[in-house]
């Protein structure tokens, strides 16, 4: 009888006994930015049978000693892909490319971490109404996009995820008022009118979900504060992803890097933060 049950599960529930195998790929590229000891932005070469050449952020399997890897270094590493995501291990510096290193920016705004208070930044929303990154008397979920982003797993996916959050808010899944804010990292192109058209295209309800733009100088400060890497690539941008939950007092509650967060992750964080604040 036990054997029959086992065979039944084996046939009908193969996911119970079979996991996606771990895959490993050699990676070569140039470090564009060191976001933290655990995260690098790398402009990597084509990875055969897996990924075309592009610039993106990678988590590291182990923290790097300070100063071992710097922007502009050419590296080799092993990209490990599993159900849990992608990480780089065995990172080795093989050369330098200082001519490709990003230019230094004035240290006007500190890097922000969870628990820090967001400074005042001047932006315009899609209706040209002045606003900041926070929303009075509301929790704010903030992310960064640009309207011409062509990579499905980047800005288009953020728009899809925010549409899901908007539905959760409309359904009352959050026990407190919440606003969504998408800030463009391409202020030279994304005017308020362009953002209004983009918001309409992705189904944004302006009562919940706003899109906003700052001047190029203020945009530089914002992306630096939130550790968002961006680099001009022709008419478009290579960039990393960051989504943050900010409480009504302007304090950063939680930050999600990349695109692996879910609607439930954010809803749970909102309700936990609101419950703890009562």
Protein backbone atom coordinates (compact mmCIF):
# COMPACT_ATOMS: atom_id res chain seq x y z
CA UNK A 1 0.00 0.00 0.00
CA UNK A 2 2.80 2.42 0.90
CA UNK A 3 4.48 1.65 -2.42
CA UNK A 4 1.27 2.51 -4.30
CA UNK A 5 0.95 5.83 -2.47
CA UNK A 6 4.57 6.65 -3.26
CA UNK A 7 4.08 5.85 -6.96
CA UNK A 8 0.88 7.92 -7.01
CA UNK A 9 2.71 10.94 -5.62
CA UNK A 10 5.61 10.37 -7.98
CA UNK A 11 3.32 10.45 -11.02
CA UNK A 12 0.91 13.22 -10.01
CA UNK A 13 3.17 15.44 -7.91
CA UNK A 14 6.60 15.40 -9.52
CA UNK A 15 7.44 18.77 -7.99
CA UNK A 16 7.55 17.05 -4.59
CA UNK A 17 10.57 15.01 -5.58
CA UNK A 18 12.25 17.06 -8.31
CA UNK A 19 13.83 20.49 -7.93
CA UNK A 20 15.31 22.68 -10.63
CA UNK A 21 19.00 21.79 -10.91
CA UNK A 22 21.57 24.42 -9.98
CA UNK A 23 23.24 25.84 -13.07
CA UNK A 24 26.64 27.53 -13.27
CA UNK A 25 27.94 29.88 -15.95
CA UNK A 26 31.32 31.61 -16.32
CA UNK A 27 30.85 35.39 -16.34
CA UNK A 28 33.19 38.14 -17.52
CA UNK A 29 32.56 41.85 -17.42
CA UNK A 30 33.33 45.30 -16.06
CA UNK A 31 32.20 46.50 -12.64
CA UNK A 32 30.12 49.64 -13.08
CA UNK A 33 29.35 50.21 -9.38
CA UNK A 34 29.88 48.65 -5.97
CA UNK A 35 26.50 49.07 -4.27
CA UNK A 36 27.56 47.24 -1.11
CA UNK A 37 29.97 44.44 -0.09
CA UNK A 38 27.20 42.04 -1.15
CA UNK A 39 26.09 43.64 -4.44
CA UNK A 40 27.86 44.65 -7.64
CA UNK A 41 26.63 46.24 -10.85
CA UNK A 42 28.37 44.50 -13.74
CA UNK A 43 28.33 45.18 -17.48
CA UNK A 44 28.80 41.56 -18.46
CA UNK A 45 29.54 39.95 -21.78
CA UNK A 46 27.22 37.49 -23.48
CA UNK A 47 26.59 34.38 -21.37
CA UNK A 48 26.07 31.60 -23.94
CA UNK A 49 22.81 29.66 -23.61
CA UNK A 50 21.59 31.90 -20.80
CA UNK A 51 21.70 35.70 -21.13
CA UNK A 52 22.77 38.34 -23.67
CA UNK A 53 25.28 41.02 -22.73
CA UNK A 54 23.77 43.68 -20.45
CA UNK A 55 24.37 45.75 -17.33
CA UNK A 56 22.67 44.55 -14.15
CA UNK A 57 23.08 44.16 -10.40
CA UNK A 58 24.22 40.86 -8.92
CA UNK A 59 24.10 39.61 -5.34
CA UNK A 60 27.31 37.98 -4.13
CA UNK A 61 27.53 34.59 -2.47
CA UNK A 62 29.88 36.07 0.14
CA UNK A 63 30.72 39.69 1.06
CA UNK A 64 33.83 41.13 -0.55
CA UNK A 65 36.56 42.64 1.64
CA UNK A 66 36.47 46.42 1.42
CA UNK A 67 38.48 47.72 -1.52
CA UNK A 68 39.03 44.34 -3.20
CA UNK A 69 36.76 45.24 -6.12
CA UNK A 70 36.21 48.76 -7.44
CA UNK A 71 34.20 50.42 -10.18
CA UNK A 72 36.10 50.02 -13.43
CA UNK A 73 37.64 46.64 -12.58
CA UNK A 74 37.34 43.85 -15.11
CA UNK A 75 36.30 40.64 -13.38
CA UNK A 76 35.72 36.97 -13.90
CA UNK A 77 33.24 35.12 -11.73
CA UNK A 78 30.92 32.14 -11.58
CA UNK A 79 27.21 32.89 -11.95
CA UNK A 80 25.18 30.38 -9.93
CA UNK A 81 21.49 30.10 -10.86
CA UNK A 82 18.99 28.20 -8.72
CA UNK A 83 15.38 28.36 -7.60
CA UNK A 84 16.49 30.90 -4.99
CA UNK A 85 17.84 33.29 -7.62
CA UNK A 86 21.21 34.28 -9.07
CA UNK A 87 24.45 34.95 -7.19
CA UNK A 88 28.05 35.56 -8.16
CA UNK A 89 30.83 33.62 -6.51
CA UNK A 90 34.59 33.28 -6.98
CA UNK A 91 34.93 36.89 -8.12
CA UNK A 92 38.45 37.62 -9.42
CA UNK A 93 39.78 40.97 -10.68
CA UNK A 94 41.63 40.42 -13.96
CA UNK A 95 42.22 44.00 -15.06
CA UNK A 96 41.10 47.59 -14.86
CA UNK A 97 39.05 49.78 -17.17
CA UNK A 98 39.16 53.16 -15.51
CA UNK A 99 38.00 54.85 -18.68
CA UNK A 100 34.64 53.11 -18.21
CA UNK A 101 34.29 53.92 -14.53
CA UNK A 102 31.30 56.17 -13.72
CA UNK A 103 32.11 59.76 -12.92
CA UNK A 104 32.15 60.75 -9.27
CA UNK A 105 29.10 62.63 -8.05
CA UNK A 106 29.05 65.28 -5.33
CA UNK A 107 28.29 63.77 -1.95
CA UNK A 108 25.31 66.04 -1.33
CA UNK A 109 22.86 63.43 -0.04
CA UNK A 110 23.79 60.48 2.17
CA UNK A 111 23.00 56.91 1.19
CA UNK A 112 19.75 55.88 2.85
CA UNK A 113 19.11 52.66 4.78
CA UNK A 114 16.10 51.14 6.51
CA UNK A 115 15.24 53.29 9.51
CA UNK A 116 16.53 56.52 7.94
CA UNK A 117 14.29 59.50 7.26
CA UNK A 118 13.88 60.50 3.61
CA UNK A 119 15.05 64.08 2.91
CA UNK A 120 12.82 66.59 1.20
CA UNK A 121 13.06 66.31 -2.58
CA UNK A 122 11.13 68.50 -5.02
CA UNK A 123 9.26 66.62 -7.76
CA UNK A 124 6.32 67.18 -10.09
CA UNK A 125 3.66 64.51 -10.54
CA UNK A 126 1.94 63.64 -13.81
CA UNK A 127 -0.39 66.64 -13.36
CA UNK A 128 2.54 69.02 -12.73
CA UNK A 129 1.54 69.21 -9.05
CA UNK A 130 4.54 69.69 -6.73
CA UNK A 131 5.17 66.82 -4.33
CA UNK A 132 7.91 64.96 -2.46
CA UNK A 133 8.75 61.28 -2.15
CA UNK A 134 6.43 60.81 0.82
CA UNK A 135 2.67 61.21 1.16
CA UNK A 136 1.19 62.93 4.23
CA UNK A 137 -0.76 60.56 6.50
CA UNK A 138 -0.11 57.61 4.18
CA UNK A 139 2.40 54.86 3.73
CA UNK A 140 4.20 55.21 0.42
CA UNK A 141 5.58 52.44 -1.78
CA UNK A 142 8.26 53.96 -4.00
CA UNK A 143 9.94 52.49 -7.07
CA UNK A 144 12.06 53.75 -9.98
CA UNK A 145 11.27 53.37 -13.69
CA UNK A 146 11.59 55.10 -17.03
CA UNK A 147 8.91 55.04 -19.70
CA UNK A 148 11.12 53.82 -22.58
CA UNK A 149 12.51 50.85 -20.63
CA UNK A 150 12.48 47.88 -23.05
CA UNK A 151 13.53 45.06 -20.69
CA UNK A 152 10.48 42.98 -19.63
CA UNK A 153 11.96 42.04 -16.22
CA UNK A 154 12.69 45.64 -15.29
CA UNK A 155 10.32 48.63 -15.57
CA UNK A 156 7.45 46.76 -17.29
CA UNK A 157 7.55 44.16 -14.49
CA UNK A 158 7.59 46.92 -11.85
CA UNK A 159 4.48 48.40 -13.48
CA UNK A 160 2.79 44.99 -13.38
CA UNK A 161 3.72 44.54 -9.72
CA UNK A 162 2.47 48.02 -8.84
CA UNK A 163 -0.80 47.29 -10.66
CA UNK A 164 -1.16 44.25 -8.38
CA UNK A 165 -0.44 46.39 -5.32
CA UNK A 166 -3.03 48.91 -6.51
CA UNK A 167 -5.64 46.15 -6.67
CA UNK A 168 -4.69 45.00 -3.16
CA UNK A 169 -5.11 48.55 -1.84
CA UNK A 170 -8.45 48.94 -3.62
CA UNK A 171 -9.58 45.62 -2.12
CA UNK A 172 -8.74 46.81 1.39
CA UNK A 173 -5.93 44.31 1.97
CA UNK A 174 -3.87 47.03 3.61
CA UNK A 175 -5.32 48.18 6.90
CA UNK A 176 -4.03 51.74 6.42
CA UNK A 177 -4.02 54.31 3.60
CA UNK A 178 -1.26 53.63 1.07
CA UNK A 179 0.04 55.53 -1.95
CA UNK A 180 2.17 54.20 -4.79
CA UNK A 181 4.84 56.37 -6.41
CA UNK A 182 6.89 55.60 -9.54
CA UNK A 183 9.76 58.07 -10.00
CA UNK A 184 11.43 58.31 -13.39
CA UNK A 185 15.20 58.01 -13.66
CA UNK A 186 15.08 59.63 -17.14
CA UNK A 187 14.03 63.23 -16.44
CA UNK A 188 15.33 64.53 -19.76
CA UNK A 189 12.67 62.53 -21.64
CA UNK A 190 9.94 61.72 -19.11
CA UNK A 191 7.98 64.95 -18.80
CA UNK A 192 4.84 65.06 -16.62
CA UNK A 193 2.79 64.67 -19.80
CA UNK A 194 4.80 61.61 -20.81
CA UNK A 195 4.33 60.15 -17.34
CA UNK A 196 0.57 60.84 -17.48
CA UNK A 197 0.32 58.86 -20.72
CA UNK A 198 2.45 56.07 -19.26
CA UNK A 199 0.33 55.94 -16.12
CA UNK A 200 -2.83 55.66 -18.17
CA UNK A 201 -1.27 52.87 -20.25
CA UNK A 202 -0.37 50.79 -17.16
CA UNK A 203 -3.73 51.35 -15.49
CA UNK A 204 -2.66 53.71 -12.70
CA UNK A 205 -5.46 55.14 -10.58
CA UNK A 206 -4.18 58.68 -9.81
CA UNK A 207 -5.91 58.58 -6.43
CA UNK A 208 -3.55 55.77 -5.43
CA UNK A 209 -0.66 55.56 -7.90
CA UNK A 210 1.29 58.60 -9.05
CA UNK A 211 4.23 59.06 -11.41
CA UNK A 212 6.71 61.84 -10.79
CA UNK A 213 9.80 63.55 -12.20
CA UNK A 214 12.49 65.76 -10.68
CA UNK A 215 15.14 67.93 -12.28
CA UNK A 216 18.24 66.05 -13.49
CA UNK A 217 20.23 67.36 -10.52
CA UNK A 218 17.63 66.25 -7.97
CA UNK A 219 17.20 62.92 -9.77
CA UNK A 220 20.96 62.35 -9.35
CA UNK A 221 20.58 62.93 -5.61
CA UNK A 222 17.55 60.65 -5.28
CA UNK A 223 19.04 57.69 -7.15
CA UNK A 224 22.28 58.02 -5.18
CA UNK A 225 20.38 58.14 -1.88
CA UNK A 226 18.51 54.93 -2.74
CA UNK A 227 21.56 53.23 -4.33
CA UNK A 228 19.95 52.99 -7.75
CA UNK A 229 22.63 52.58 -10.40
CA UNK A 230 21.92 54.03 -13.84
CA UNK A 231 24.08 54.59 -16.89
CA UNK A 232 23.20 56.05 -20.26
CA UNK A 233 23.26 53.43 -23.03
CA UNK A 234 22.53 55.25 -26.26
CA UNK A 235 19.04 56.71 -25.99
CA UNK A 236 18.16 54.36 -23.13
CA UNK A 237 19.44 53.55 -19.65
CA UNK A 238 20.99 50.57 -17.95
CA UNK A 239 19.89 50.56 -14.32
CA UNK A 240 19.18 48.57 -11.19
CA UNK A 241 15.86 48.17 -9.40
CA UNK A 242 14.86 49.41 -5.96
CA UNK A 243 11.48 49.48 -4.23
CA UNK A 244 11.02 51.04 -0.79
CA UNK A 245 8.26 51.26 1.81
CA UNK A 246 8.15 54.64 3.60
CA UNK A 247 5.95 55.37 6.60
CA UNK A 248 3.80 58.52 7.03
CA UNK A 249 6.61 60.20 9.01
CA UNK A 250 9.04 59.69 6.12
CA UNK A 251 11.03 56.84 7.67
CA UNK A 252 12.16 53.99 5.41
CA UNK A 253 10.56 50.79 6.69
CA UNK A 254 11.91 48.28 4.19
CA UNK A 255 13.86 48.19 0.93
CA UNK A 256 13.63 45.50 -1.76
CA UNK A 257 16.41 45.23 -4.34
CA UNK A 258 15.74 43.64 -7.71
CA UNK A 259 12.45 42.24 -8.96
CA UNK A 260 11.83 39.21 -6.78
CA UNK A 261 9.50 40.86 -4.27
CA UNK A 262 5.79 40.03 -4.40
CA UNK A 263 2.56 41.86 -3.71
CA UNK A 264 2.13 39.80 -0.55
CA UNK A 265 5.62 40.77 0.64
CA UNK A 266 4.73 44.45 0.47
CA UNK A 267 1.21 44.10 1.89
CA UNK A 268 2.60 42.10 4.81
CA UNK A 269 5.29 44.72 5.46
CA UNK A 270 2.74 47.54 5.39
CA UNK A 271 0.39 45.84 7.83
CA UNK A 272 3.26 44.82 10.13
CA UNK A 273 4.60 48.38 10.20
CA UNK A 274 1.14 49.85 10.77
CA UNK A 275 0.42 47.37 13.55
CA UNK A 276 3.69 48.15 15.27
CA UNK A 277 3.04 51.88 15.06
CA UNK A 278 -0.31 51.68 16.86
